[in-house]
Amino acid sequence: MLNLFRQKGAMSFIYTLLLGAVMVVFVIQFRPGSGGPMTGLSRKCVAKVRGTCIDERDWRAQRYLLRGQYDAPGMNWNKAAVDSLVERTLLEQEAKRLGVRVGEDDVMNEIVRWRVHVTVPAAMRGQARQLGIDPAGVRWTQFGTKEKPFDQQIFEKVVQSTTGQNTTEFVDSQIEELTAARMIALVAERVKVGEVEAFEQYVYERSTTSVQWVRFEPRFFGDHFVAADKDAIGKWAEAHKKEVDDRAATLPKDQPTKLYDARQVLLEAKKDTPADKKAEAKKKADDLLARVKKGEDIAKLAKDESADSATKDRGGRWEWVNLADQPAPVRDALAKAKPGDLFVVESENGFHVIRLDGVLEGTAAVAWPLYRDARGEELAQEASQKVADAVKGKLPVQIDATLQQKVDESKKAGKSDADARALVAADETKARLEKAIDDVLGAMNGAGWQTDDHRPRVEQGSPYTVSGTPIPSAEDPTAIATAVEKLTKEAPFGGPITAGKERYLVVLTDRHAVTREEFEKDKSLYVGNMLAKKREDAIVNYLNSLRDLLNKDNYTVDQRYVTSESQKGAPGEAPPPPMPYDE
């Protein structure tokens, strides 16, 4: 009798009767001539694995069991079924070699518990739960009710509808599936996780790093420090003729190639604005014009006063555009203006206070964006190197008498000595970097950069683990993470680091290694998860190692059975018979 039913008392008697009924049903079902496997018919092999034929009927059944009521977009269920049966066959062959045995009693024990086994191929194991299959390769299938766990009629109906097999074929295939499952369990059981190993992995995964960083964006330097010098643009265009020609080919042929560099402050006054409000807007526009003429920064006025959301945050700048989307009065006024002109023009949107800074035409207009970006990247590199040179001898921060006073003040506020020193050092590091940045940018003779949100500034990154990155928003965060790994407490400064087109400076501010006490709090859950992952890796590696031993001499497959469901067979061949749900 099965262990499941070896219990004492009345309940044991009930389960014994239940098992007896199940046995009788199977004896009747599987007796000679009972409609078992039709071995007299020729078999059609989907694949052959070391001489073992994988029958098409098994392939059909496996396709059903893997797919179930679930689906996964793009999943090739035909190939999945072949892979499953190939790996099941390999596991069964290994089981025979090792003397692992499974009988009908074992299968019946699983069936009464509503457990149907299916070998999930290595390539699909990560998706098992999504497909309704637990990691042990079990799909829960009811063969009865709570009151009557096994019902012959329900069993026959479910088997036929879910696999297309008769009950004899189903039980035979489940013997093979359970054998494969036990082989997988043997592999998993041999995997252990030691406490030392777990603690070392915990420290590696959970320890954090914190950095301060500065980003140097080429576009920022292109906007504020690259002059639209026609001679310089012309020389660059000659040296990069193909790039310029390629860009020219993308521009509309029916529009003049002309770019305007201008700034505006828009005082909103629509057509339906009351006359007194419109007059008020006009007066304010005239006042702003006068203030700009006296020397006030139009970029700052735009940020404070402009109603144009598209340019407001950029200090009202159009940034070399063709103005095709601007109102006609604005286009006409700019067409008549000369660089340096200041004027007010009224449009359907209100009153525009405009300063024309420059005009580019022809080849210069085509080449300008390319030249600006290329020169901006060069300037970003130059500026980042100058800032790096300015601070290299000043980091790490040493706590002198002046800084010690700040440490003492921080300790009075409740900080520990270590935390207080770290906080003061980080603040001082930031101050030294900010001064170096201001000095370098101030010497570059640019305009409007002080109010640009994209200007280089010191930012404090969030603590990150080995699976994270110092600056997730960087074009190439891996390059920065690699550089930070080399930083130490004694040599905390790195850069310039090239990440895409951007340049970065980084300063290591903290490395926190998790403690034994932290590990003890998480140990039970962490070790359990680590063991599960390690066992899963071992299973996948084992299955792949078995497949690696196959070659053209001991493994063949009919390619029609591994094509996508939407594809037909090879030319001149009929595709595999359709599944009922495909018809």
Protein backbone atom coordinates (compact mmCIF):
# COMPACT_ATOMS: atom_id res chain seq x y z
CA MET A 1 0.00 0.00 0.00
CA LEU A 2 1.05 3.59 -0.60
CA ASN A 3 2.50 5.58 2.27
CA LEU A 4 -0.23 8.12 1.68
CA PHE A 5 -2.77 5.59 2.90
CA ARG A 6 -0.71 4.04 5.69
CA GLN A 7 -2.48 5.79 8.53
CA LYS A 8 -4.07 4.47 11.67
CA GLY A 9 -7.72 4.45 12.65
CA ALA A 10 -10.91 4.87 10.68
CA MET A 11 -9.36 7.33 8.25
CA SER A 12 -6.78 4.71 7.30
CA PHE A 13 -9.59 2.28 6.52
CA ILE A 14 -11.32 4.83 4.28
CA TYR A 15 -8.14 5.58 2.34
CA THR A 16 -7.43 1.85 1.99
CA LEU A 17 -10.87 1.33 0.43
CA LEU A 18 -10.25 4.33 -1.83
CA LEU A 19 -6.92 2.95 -3.00
CA GLY A 20 -8.49 -0.44 -3.61
CA ALA A 21 -11.11 1.17 -5.82
CA VAL A 22 -8.45 3.01 -7.76
CA MET A 23 -6.49 -0.23 -8.24
CA VAL A 24 -9.56 -2.06 -9.50
CA VAL A 25 -10.26 0.71 -11.98
CA PHE A 26 -6.72 0.59 -13.31
CA VAL A 27 -6.72 -3.20 -13.57
CA ILE A 28 -9.91 -3.03 -15.64
CA GLN A 29 -8.65 -0.08 -17.63
CA PHE A 30 -5.24 -1.56 -18.42
CA ARG A 31 -6.18 -5.25 -18.91
CA PRO A 32 -5.37 -6.79 -22.29
CA GLY A 33 -7.80 -5.59 -24.93
CA SER A 34 -9.04 -2.73 -22.75
CA GLY A 35 -8.25 0.01 -25.25
CA GLY A 36 -4.70 0.62 -24.12
CA PRO A 37 -1.92 1.79 -26.40
CA MET A 38 -2.44 0.67 -29.95
CA THR A 39 1.01 -0.80 -30.33
CA GLY A 40 -0.02 -2.54 -33.51
CA LEU A 41 -0.10 0.75 -35.41
CA SER A 42 3.05 2.22 -36.86
CA ARG A 43 4.69 4.91 -34.75
CA LYS A 44 5.58 8.35 -36.06
CA CYS A 45 8.72 9.69 -34.44
CA VAL A 46 9.00 13.39 -33.75
CA ALA A 47 12.62 12.85 -32.69
CA LYS A 48 15.03 10.07 -31.78
CA VAL A 49 17.28 10.33 -28.75
CA ARG A 50 19.97 7.64 -28.55
CA GLY A 51 17.66 5.23 -30.34
CA THR A 52 14.54 6.10 -28.32
CA CYS A 53 11.61 7.25 -30.46
CA ILE A 54 9.63 10.25 -29.22
CA ASP A 55 6.17 9.46 -30.49
CA GLU A 56 3.94 12.07 -32.10
CA ARG A 57 1.12 11.25 -29.68
CA ASP A 58 3.41 12.07 -26.75
CA TRP A 59 4.36 15.30 -28.52
CA ARG A 60 0.68 16.25 -28.82
CA ALA A 61 0.07 15.50 -25.14
CA GLN A 62 3.15 17.41 -24.01
CA ARG A 63 2.09 20.41 -26.05
CA TYR A 64 -1.21 20.46 -24.18
CA LEU A 65 0.32 19.98 -20.74
CA LEU A 66 2.88 22.74 -21.19
CA ARG A 67 0.43 25.21 -22.62
CA GLY A 68 -2.58 24.44 -20.43
CA GLN A 69 -5.06 27.31 -20.27
CA TYR A 70 -2.24 29.84 -20.39
CA ASP A 71 -0.43 31.44 -23.27
CA ALA A 72 2.72 33.47 -23.74
CA PRO A 73 3.06 35.80 -26.73
CA GLY A 74 5.72 34.56 -29.12
CA MET A 75 6.04 31.17 -27.43
CA ASN A 76 6.76 28.32 -29.86
CA TRP A 77 4.79 25.53 -28.20
CA ASN A 78 5.81 23.01 -30.86
CA LYS A 79 9.49 23.38 -30.05
CA ALA A 80 8.78 23.58 -26.32
CA ALA A 81 7.05 20.19 -26.48
CA VAL A 82 9.96 18.63 -28.39
CA ASP A 83 12.51 20.09 -25.95
CA SER A 84 10.48 18.82 -23.00
CA LEU A 85 10.31 15.27 -24.35
CA VAL A 86 13.98 15.22 -25.33
CA GLU A 87 15.02 16.27 -21.83
CA ARG A 88 12.53 13.87 -20.25
CA THR A 89 14.05 11.03 -22.30
CA LEU A 90 17.57 11.99 -21.29
CA LEU A 91 16.57 12.10 -17.63
CA GLU A 92 14.85 8.72 -17.88
CA GLN A 93 17.95 7.20 -19.49
CA GLU A 94 20.07 8.58 -16.67
CA ALA A 95 17.58 7.21 -14.13
CA LYS A 96 17.93 3.70 -15.59
CA ARG A 97 21.69 4.01 -15.41
CA LEU A 98 21.50 5.03 -11.74
CA GLY A 99 18.80 2.52 -10.80
CA VAL A 100 16.05 5.06 -10.08
CA ARG A 101 12.66 3.35 -10.45
CA VAL A 102 9.04 4.60 -10.54
CA GLY A 103 5.99 2.33 -10.66
CA GLU A 104 2.24 2.63 -11.19
CA ASP A 105 1.68 2.89 -7.43
CA ASP A 106 3.79 6.04 -7.39
CA VAL A 107 1.81 7.53 -10.27
CA MET A 108 -1.53 6.67 -8.64
CA ASN A 109 -0.39 8.35 -5.46
CA GLU A 110 0.22 11.53 -7.45
CA ILE A 111 -3.06 11.27 -9.39
CA VAL A 112 -5.14 10.96 -6.22
CA ARG A 113 -3.39 14.12 -5.01
CA TRP A 114 -4.33 15.79 -8.34
CA ARG A 115 -0.71 16.19 -9.36
CA VAL A 116 0.25 15.82 -13.02
CA HIS A 117 3.96 16.01 -13.81
CA VAL A 118 5.43 17.65 -16.89
CA THR A 119 9.09 18.23 -17.67
CA VAL A 120 9.63 21.94 -18.15
CA PRO A 121 12.56 22.33 -20.57
CA ALA A 122 15.60 24.26 -19.34
CA ALA A 123 14.89 27.16 -21.70
CA MET A 124 11.38 27.62 -20.24
CA ARG A 125 11.95 27.06 -16.53
CA GLY A 126 12.05 30.77 -15.78
CA GLN A 127 8.51 31.07 -17.14
CA ALA A 128 7.07 28.03 -15.37
CA ARG A 129 4.99 29.92 -12.82
CA GLN A 130 3.56 32.17 -15.53
CA LEU A 131 2.37 29.03 -17.30
CA GLY A 132 0.66 27.67 -14.19
CA ILE A 133 3.37 25.09 -13.48
CA ASP A 134 5.17 25.10 -10.15
CA PRO A 135 8.99 24.78 -10.07
CA ALA A 136 8.73 21.06 -9.30
CA GLY A 137 7.12 20.53 -12.73
CA VAL A 138 3.60 19.95 -11.39
CA ARG A 139 0.38 21.11 -12.98
CA TRP A 140 -2.53 20.76 -10.56
CA THR A 141 -5.39 18.88 -12.24
CA GLN A 142 -8.58 17.68 -10.54
CA PHE A 143 -9.51 14.03 -11.09
CA GLY A 144 -12.39 14.05 -8.66
CA THR A 145 -13.94 16.07 -5.85
CA LYS A 146 -12.97 16.82 -2.27
CA GLU A 147 -15.33 14.08 -1.12
CA LYS A 148 -14.16 11.65 -3.79
CA PRO A 149 -10.55 12.49 -4.78
CA PHE A 150 -10.55 10.01 -7.66
CA ASP A 151 -13.49 9.54 -10.03
CA GLN A 152 -13.00 7.27 -13.05
CA GLN A 153 -15.30 9.23 -15.35
CA ILE A 154 -13.74 12.57 -14.41
CA PHE A 155 -10.29 11.03 -14.81
CA GLU A 156 -11.00 9.77 -18.33
CA LYS A 157 -12.62 13.04 -19.38
CA VAL A 158 -9.82 15.24 -18.03
CA VAL A 159 -7.05 13.09 -19.49
CA GLN A 160 -8.68 13.08 -22.93
CA SER A 161 -9.37 16.83 -22.93
CA THR A 162 -5.97 17.91 -21.60
CA THR A 163 -3.64 15.49 -23.38
CA GLY A 164 -5.57 13.75 -26.15
CA GLN A 165 -4.34 10.43 -24.71
CA ASN A 166 -6.27 7.48 -23.34
CA THR A 167 -5.73 6.62 -19.68
CA THR A 168 -3.21 3.84 -20.38
CA GLU A 169 -1.02 6.13 -22.45
CA PHE A 170 -1.36 8.86 -19.87
CA VAL A 171 -0.22 6.68 -16.96
CA ASP A 172 2.72 5.35 -18.99
CA SER A 173 3.81 8.90 -19.81
CA GLN A 174 3.38 9.93 -16.15
CA ILE A 175 5.69 7.10 -15.08
CA GLU A 176 8.33 8.66 -17.34
CA GLU A 177 7.52 12.17 -16.12
CA LEU A 178 7.75 11.18 -12.46
CA THR A 179 11.05 9.40 -13.16
CA ALA A 180 12.38 12.60 -14.74
CA ALA A 181 11.06 14.64 -11.80
CA ARG A 182 12.88 12.41 -9.31
CA MET A 183 16.11 12.81 -11.24
CA ILE A 184 15.70 16.57 -11.10
CA ALA A 185 14.95 16.33 -7.37
CA LEU A 186 18.15 14.32 -6.87
CA VAL A 187 20.14 17.08 -8.57
CA ALA A 188 18.49 19.75 -6.41
CA GLU A 189 18.94 17.82 -3.16
CA ARG A 190 22.69 17.63 -3.66
CA VAL A 191 22.95 21.43 -3.68
CA LYS A 192 23.64 23.01 -0.30
CA VAL A 193 24.32 26.54 0.95
CA GLY A 194 26.82 26.99 3.76
CA GLU A 195 26.49 29.84 6.24
CA VAL A 196 29.90 31.29 5.36
CA GLU A 197 29.01 31.20 1.67
CA ALA A 198 25.64 32.84 2.36
CA PHE A 199 27.18 35.60 4.48
CA GLU A 200 29.83 36.39 1.86
CA GLN A 201 27.18 36.57 -0.86
CA TYR A 202 24.96 38.70 1.39
CA VAL A 203 27.78 41.17 1.97
CA TYR A 204 28.54 41.27 -1.76
CA GLU A 205 24.91 41.88 -2.74
CA ARG A 206 23.75 44.18 0.05
CA SER A 207 26.79 46.41 0.68
CA THR A 208 26.26 49.91 -0.70
CA THR A 209 28.33 52.64 -2.31
CA SER A 210 27.56 56.37 -2.41
CA VAL A 211 29.13 58.98 -4.68
CA GLN A 212 28.93 62.63 -5.53
CA TRP A 213 29.05 63.33 -9.22
CA VAL A 214 29.17 66.11 -11.81
CA ARG A 215 27.78 65.77 -15.34
CA PHE A 216 29.22 67.75 -18.27
CA GLU A 217 26.69 67.75 -21.10
CA PRO A 218 27.95 68.67 -24.60
CA ARG A 219 24.66 70.40 -25.44
CA PHE A 220 25.08 72.78 -22.49
CA PHE A 221 28.50 73.82 -23.76
CA GLY A 222 27.22 74.03 -27.32
CA ASP A 223 24.41 76.35 -26.24
CA HIS A 224 26.50 78.74 -24.15
CA PHE A 225 30.11 78.55 -25.26
CA VAL A 226 30.09 77.79 -29.00
CA ALA A 227 29.93 80.97 -31.06
CA ALA A 228 28.17 80.92 -34.42
CA ASP A 229 31.29 82.11 -36.19
CA LYS A 230 30.66 81.70 -39.92
CA ASP A 231 34.35 81.23 -40.74
CA ALA A 232 34.76 78.51 -38.07
CA ILE A 233 31.57 76.79 -39.22
CA GLY A 234 32.73 76.97 -42.82
CA LYS A 235 36.10 75.37 -42.05
CA TRP A 236 34.42 72.63 -40.04
CA ALA A 237 31.89 72.00 -42.85
CA GLU A 238 34.71 71.56 -45.38
CA ALA A 239 36.40 68.99 -43.10
CA HIS A 240 33.10 67.13 -42.53
CA LYS A 241 31.54 67.50 -45.98
CA LYS A 242 29.79 64.10 -45.99
CA GLU A 243 28.07 64.73 -42.66
CA VAL A 244 26.87 68.13 -43.86
CA ASP A 245 25.67 66.77 -47.22
CA ASP A 246 23.81 63.92 -45.51
CA ARG A 247 22.01 66.38 -43.24
CA ALA A 248 21.19 68.72 -46.15
CA ALA A 249 19.53 65.78 -47.93
CA THR A 250 17.04 65.44 -45.05
CA LEU A 251 15.88 69.09 -45.12
CA PRO A 252 12.78 70.28 -47.02
CA LYS A 253 13.68 71.50 -50.51
CA ASP A 254 10.91 74.13 -50.67
CA GLN A 255 12.01 76.09 -47.59
CA PRO A 256 14.92 78.54 -47.41
CA THR A 257 17.78 77.32 -45.23
CA LYS A 258 17.88 80.09 -42.66
CA LEU A 259 18.26 79.90 -38.90
CA TYR A 260 17.64 82.55 -36.27
CA ASP A 261 19.26 82.73 -32.87
CA ALA A 262 16.98 84.91 -30.78
CA ARG A 263 15.46 85.33 -27.34
CA GLN A 264 11.99 86.49 -26.52
CA VAL A 265 9.76 87.43 -23.61
CA LEU A 266 6.09 86.88 -24.46
CA LEU A 267 3.46 89.00 -22.71
CA GLU A 268 0.24 87.13 -23.42
CA ALA A 269 -2.65 89.10 -24.96
CA LYS A 270 -5.00 87.07 -27.17
CA LYS A 271 -7.47 88.53 -29.67
CA ASP A 272 -10.31 88.36 -27.16
CA THR A 273 -8.27 90.04 -24.37
CA PRO A 274 -10.07 93.20 -23.10
CA ALA A 275 -8.59 96.45 -24.40
CA ASP A 276 -7.41 97.63 -21.00
CA LYS A 277 -5.59 94.34 -20.34
CA LYS A 278 -4.05 94.43 -23.80
CA ALA A 279 -2.83 97.97 -23.20
CA GLU A 280 -1.37 96.85 -19.91
CA ALA A 281 0.51 94.02 -21.64
CA LYS A 282 1.82 96.45 -24.29
CA LYS A 283 3.10 98.84 -21.61
CA LYS A 284 4.82 96.00 -19.77
CA ALA A 285 6.46 94.86 -23.01
CA ASP A 286 7.79 98.36 -23.65
CA ASP A 287 9.08 98.55 -20.08
CA LEU A 288 10.90 95.22 -20.46
CA LEU A 289 12.41 96.38 -23.74
CA ALA A 290 13.77 99.47 -22.03
CA ARG A 291 15.22 97.39 -19.19
CA VAL A 292 17.02 95.09 -21.62
CA LYS A 293 18.43 98.09 -23.50
CA LYS A 294 19.81 99.35 -20.19
CA GLY A 295 21.66 96.09 -19.66
CA GLU A 296 19.32 93.69 -17.83
CA ASP A 297 19.61 90.02 -18.80
CA ILE A 298 16.79 89.11 -21.20
CA ALA A 299 17.26 85.44 -20.29
CA LYS A 300 16.42 86.13 -16.64
CA LEU A 301 13.46 88.32 -17.61
CA ALA A 302 12.16 85.54 -19.84
CA LYS A 303 12.33 83.03 -17.00
CA ASP A 304 10.49 85.43 -14.70
CA GLU A 305 7.95 87.00 -17.06
CA SER A 306 7.46 85.04 -20.31
CA ALA A 307 4.19 83.24 -21.08
CA ASP A 308 5.86 81.02 -23.71
CA SER A 309 6.27 77.66 -21.97
CA ALA A 310 8.37 76.29 -24.86
CA THR A 311 11.20 78.81 -24.34
CA LYS A 312 10.65 80.16 -20.82
CA ASP A 313 12.91 77.64 -19.04
CA ARG A 314 15.67 78.20 -21.62
CA GLY A 315 15.76 81.92 -20.94
CA GLY A 316 13.48 82.63 -23.90
CA ARG A 317 15.92 81.21 -26.41
CA TRP A 318 14.81 79.85 -29.79
CA GLU A 319 18.19 78.12 -30.22
CA TRP A 320 18.73 78.53 -33.96
CA VAL A 321 15.35 77.60 -35.41
CA ASN A 322 13.75 78.43 -38.75
CA LEU A 323 10.67 79.92 -37.01
CA ALA A 324 8.31 78.11 -39.39
CA ASP A 325 5.84 77.63 -36.52
CA GLN A 326 5.96 81.24 -35.35
CA PRO A 327 3.22 83.80 -36.17
CA ALA A 328 3.69 85.76 -39.39
CA PRO A 329 4.34 89.14 -37.66
CA VAL A 330 7.24 87.58 -35.75
CA ARG A 331 8.74 86.02 -38.91
CA ASP A 332 8.39 89.27 -40.84
CA ALA A 333 9.99 91.33 -38.09
CA LEU A 334 12.94 88.97 -37.77
CA ALA A 335 13.44 88.89 -41.55
CA LYS A 336 13.98 92.68 -41.48
CA ALA A 337 16.14 92.74 -38.34
CA LYS A 338 19.90 92.59 -37.98
CA PRO A 339 21.85 90.71 -35.28
CA GLY A 340 21.82 92.80 -32.11
CA ASP A 341 18.45 94.46 -32.79
CA LEU A 342 15.91 94.74 -29.94
CA PHE A 343 12.23 95.30 -30.67
CA VAL A 344 8.62 94.61 -29.69
CA VAL A 345 6.21 92.99 -32.13
CA GLU A 346 2.53 92.15 -31.65
CA SER A 347 1.04 88.82 -32.81
CA GLU A 348 -2.12 86.85 -32.20
CA ASN A 349 -0.45 85.53 -29.03
CA GLY A 350 0.44 88.88 -27.50
CA PHE A 351 3.48 91.14 -27.39
CA HIS A 352 6.95 89.67 -28.06
CA VAL A 353 10.04 91.40 -26.69
CA ILE A 354 12.72 90.03 -29.04
CA ARG A 355 16.48 90.28 -29.28
CA LEU A 356 18.00 88.89 -32.48
CA ASP A 357 21.44 87.46 -31.69
CA GLY A 358 22.40 85.93 -35.03
CA VAL A 359 21.35 84.66 -38.46
CA LEU A 360 22.81 81.75 -40.44
CA GLU A 361 22.05 80.94 -44.07
CA GLY A 362 22.94 78.29 -46.64
CA THR A 363 25.71 75.82 -45.81
CA ALA A 364 26.38 77.51 -42.46
CA ALA A 365 22.75 76.93 -41.42
CA VAL A 366 22.95 73.27 -42.43
CA ALA A 367 26.29 72.66 -40.71
CA TRP A 368 25.61 74.66 -37.54
CA PRO A 369 23.81 71.99 -35.44
CA LEU A 370 26.51 69.44 -36.32
CA TYR A 371 29.32 71.87 -35.59
CA ARG A 372 27.74 73.03 -32.33
CA ASP A 373 27.34 69.47 -31.05
CA ALA A 374 30.85 68.41 -32.04
CA ARG A 375 32.45 71.53 -30.56
CA GLY A 376 30.24 71.20 -27.46
CA GLU A 377 31.59 67.70 -26.86
CA GLU A 378 35.15 68.98 -27.13
CA LEU A 379 34.44 71.78 -24.66
CA ALA A 380 32.74 69.36 -22.24
CA GLN A 381 35.93 67.28 -22.23
CA GLU A 382 38.15 70.33 -21.79
CA ALA A 383 36.03 71.77 -18.95
CA SER A 384 35.76 68.47 -17.09
CA GLN A 385 39.53 68.01 -17.30
CA LYS A 386 40.17 71.52 -15.98
CA VAL A 387 37.81 70.96 -13.03
CA ALA A 388 39.48 67.61 -12.34
CA ASP A 389 42.92 69.22 -12.36
CA ALA A 390 41.70 71.94 -9.98
CA VAL A 391 40.46 69.50 -7.29
CA LYS A 392 42.78 66.51 -7.55
CA GLY A 393 45.19 67.88 -4.95
CA LYS A 394 42.35 68.88 -2.64
CA LEU A 395 40.69 65.48 -2.20
CA PRO A 396 40.15 63.58 0.01
CA VAL A 397 39.17 66.29 2.47
CA GLN A 398 41.32 66.40 5.59
CA ILE A 399 39.55 67.56 8.76
CA ASP A 400 41.57 70.57 9.89
CA ALA A 401 40.85 72.89 12.83
CA THR A 402 38.24 74.87 10.91
CA LEU A 403 36.38 71.78 9.74
CA GLN A 404 36.67 70.23 13.20
CA GLN A 405 34.47 73.03 14.51
CA LYS A 406 31.79 71.96 12.02
CA VAL A 407 32.22 68.35 13.13
CA ASP A 408 31.72 69.38 16.76
CA GLU A 409 28.59 71.35 15.85
CA SER A 410 27.20 68.34 14.00
CA LYS A 411 27.89 66.09 17.00
CA LYS A 412 26.02 68.50 19.25
CA ALA A 413 23.03 68.05 16.91
CA GLY A 414 23.05 64.31 17.67
CA LYS A 415 25.40 62.85 15.03
CA SER A 416 28.00 60.23 15.93
CA ASP A 417 31.62 61.23 15.45
CA ALA A 418 31.95 59.06 12.31
CA ASP A 419 28.70 60.36 10.79
CA ALA A 420 29.58 63.96 11.63
CA ARG A 421 33.01 63.68 10.00
CA ALA A 422 31.53 62.02 6.91
CA LEU A 423 28.88 64.75 6.60
CA VAL A 424 31.38 67.60 6.95
CA ALA A 425 33.77 65.94 4.47
CA ALA A 426 30.97 65.50 1.92
CA ASP A 427 29.88 69.14 2.29
CA GLU A 428 33.45 70.37 1.91
CA THR A 429 34.01 68.13 -1.13
CA LYS A 430 30.91 69.61 -2.75
CA ALA A 431 32.04 73.16 -1.98
CA ARG A 432 35.47 72.58 -3.54
CA LEU A 433 33.97 71.03 -6.65
CA GLU A 434 31.39 73.82 -7.04
CA LYS A 435 34.11 76.49 -6.78
CA ALA A 436 36.24 74.73 -9.38
CA ILE A 437 33.24 74.47 -11.72
CA ASP A 438 32.36 78.15 -11.37
CA ASP A 439 35.99 79.18 -11.92
CA VAL A 440 36.33 77.06 -15.07
CA LEU A 441 32.99 78.08 -16.60
CA GLY A 442 33.54 81.73 -15.68
CA ALA A 443 36.82 81.75 -17.60
CA MET A 444 35.17 80.34 -20.75
CA ASN A 445 33.50 83.63 -21.72
CA GLY A 446 30.04 82.20 -22.23
CA ALA A 447 26.61 83.79 -21.81
CA GLY A 448 23.49 82.73 -19.93
CA TRP A 449 25.00 79.58 -18.50
CA GLN A 450 24.48 80.60 -14.88
CA THR A 451 20.69 80.09 -15.11
CA ASP A 452 20.71 76.94 -17.25
CA ASP A 453 19.34 73.91 -15.37
CA HIS A 454 21.74 71.70 -17.35
CA ARG A 455 24.88 73.43 -16.09
CA PRO A 456 27.42 71.16 -14.39
CA ARG A 457 26.67 70.94 -10.67
CA VAL A 458 27.52 68.59 -7.83
CA GLU A 459 24.83 66.00 -7.15
CA GLN A 460 24.66 63.41 -4.39
CA GLY A 461 23.78 59.98 -5.68
CA SER A 462 21.63 57.51 -3.75
CA PRO A 463 23.39 54.52 -2.14
CA TYR A 464 23.45 51.63 -4.61
CA THR A 465 24.32 47.95 -4.43
CA VAL A 466 26.33 45.78 -6.81
CA SER A 467 23.21 45.32 -8.95
CA GLY A 468 22.71 49.09 -9.26
CA THR A 469 24.68 51.92 -10.82
CA PRO A 470 26.01 55.24 -9.50
CA ILE A 471 24.13 57.32 -12.08
CA PRO A 472 21.25 55.39 -13.72
CA SER A 473 20.42 58.32 -16.02
CA ALA A 474 23.88 58.31 -17.64
CA GLU A 475 24.21 57.31 -21.29
CA ASP A 476 26.62 54.53 -20.27
CA PRO A 477 26.17 53.83 -16.53
CA THR A 478 28.39 50.74 -16.73
CA ALA A 479 31.46 52.83 -17.61
CA ILE A 480 30.89 54.95 -14.51
CA ALA A 481 30.26 51.95 -12.24
CA THR A 482 33.52 50.37 -13.45
CA ALA A 483 35.44 53.54 -12.64
CA VAL A 484 33.86 53.87 -9.19
CA GLU A 485 34.87 50.29 -8.30
CA LYS A 486 38.51 51.41 -8.46
CA LEU A 487 38.05 54.34 -6.05
CA THR A 488 39.19 54.05 -2.44
CA LYS A 489 38.91 56.10 0.72
CA GLU A 490 42.50 57.26 0.19
CA ALA A 491 41.95 58.02 -3.53
CA PRO A 492 38.25 58.90 -3.80
CA PHE A 493 38.28 61.05 -6.94
CA GLY A 494 37.77 59.79 -10.50
CA GLY A 495 37.39 61.39 -13.90
CA PRO A 496 36.83 62.66 -16.42
CA ILE A 497 34.88 59.49 -17.28
CA THR A 498 33.46 59.21 -20.80
CA ALA A 499 29.90 57.86 -20.83
CA GLY A 500 28.43 58.19 -24.31
CA LYS A 501 28.97 61.83 -25.30
CA GLU A 502 28.88 63.05 -21.72
CA ARG A 503 31.74 63.45 -19.26
CA TYR A 504 31.56 62.78 -15.52
CA LEU A 505 33.55 63.47 -12.40
CA VAL A 506 32.83 61.23 -9.40
CA VAL A 507 33.88 61.26 -5.75
CA LEU A 508 33.48 58.24 -3.48
CA THR A 509 31.69 59.44 -0.34
CA ASP A 510 30.87 56.15 1.41
CA ARG A 511 31.16 52.37 1.19
CA HIS A 512 28.91 50.59 3.69
CA ALA A 513 29.61 46.90 4.26
CA VAL A 514 26.65 45.13 5.87
CA THR A 515 27.22 43.68 9.33
CA ARG A 516 26.78 40.20 10.74
CA GLU A 517 23.86 41.50 12.79
CA GLU A 518 22.07 42.64 9.62
CA PHE A 519 22.68 39.25 8.06
CA GLU A 520 21.27 37.39 11.09
CA LYS A 521 17.98 39.31 10.77
CA ASP A 522 17.57 38.28 7.13
CA LYS A 523 19.35 34.92 7.23
CA SER A 524 16.40 32.55 7.12
CA LEU A 525 14.69 34.16 4.13
CA TYR A 526 17.93 35.05 2.36
CA VAL A 527 19.43 31.56 2.64
CA GLY A 528 16.15 30.02 1.47
CA ASN A 529 16.05 32.24 -1.61
CA MET A 530 19.73 31.68 -2.28
CA LEU A 531 19.29 27.91 -2.03
CA ALA A 532 16.30 27.96 -4.39
CA LYS A 533 18.22 29.97 -6.98
CA LYS A 534 21.33 27.83 -6.64
CA ARG A 535 19.28 24.65 -7.05
CA GLU A 536 17.52 26.06 -10.09
CA ASP A 537 20.86 26.97 -11.65
CA ALA A 538 22.12 23.45 -10.95
CA ILE A 539 19.05 21.90 -12.59
CA VAL A 540 19.35 24.06 -15.71
CA ASN A 541 23.09 23.35 -15.94
CA TYR A 542 22.46 19.62 -15.54
CA LEU A 543 19.81 19.56 -18.27
CA ASN A 544 22.03 21.55 -20.59
CA SER A 545 24.97 19.26 -19.89
CA LEU A 546 22.85 16.24 -20.90
CA ARG A 547 21.86 17.97 -24.12
CA ASP A 548 25.46 18.95 -24.82
CA LEU A 549 26.30 15.25 -25.14
CA LEU A 550 23.90 14.85 -28.05
CA ASN A 551 25.12 15.03 -31.63
CA LYS A 552 23.92 14.16 -35.11
CA ASP A 553 24.76 10.50 -34.52
CA ASN A 554 22.55 10.05 -31.47
CA TYR A 555 19.92 12.75 -31.93
CA THR A 556 17.64 13.61 -34.82
CA VAL A 557 14.47 15.69 -34.95
CA ASP A 558 11.76 16.18 -37.57
CA GLN A 559 11.96 19.92 -38.17
CA ARG A 560 8.23 20.17 -38.89
CA TYR A 561 7.63 19.64 -35.19
CA VAL A 562 9.77 22.50 -33.98
CA THR A 563 8.47 25.24 -36.29
CA SER A 564 6.21 27.98 -34.96
CA GLU A 565 2.49 27.21 -34.88
CA SER A 566 1.91 29.80 -37.58
CA GLN A 567 4.40 28.10 -39.96
CA LYS A 568 3.82 25.18 -42.30
CA GLY A 569 6.04 22.20 -42.94
CA ALA A 570 8.92 21.97 -45.36
CA PRO A 571 8.14 22.26 -49.11
CA GLY A 572 6.28 19.20 -50.32
CA GLU A 573 5.57 18.00 -46.78
CA ALA A 574 2.36 18.12 -44.83
CA PRO A 575 2.53 19.97 -41.51
CA PRO A 576 1.95 18.06 -38.26
CA PRO A 577 -1.72 17.27 -37.62
CA PRO A 578 -3.49 20.25 -36.01
CA MET A 579 -4.37 20.35 -32.35
CA PRO A 580 -8.11 20.44 -31.57
CA TYR A 581 -7.86 24.06 -30.43
CA ASP A 582 -6.13 24.92 -33.73
CA GLU A 583 -8.95 23.53 -35.86
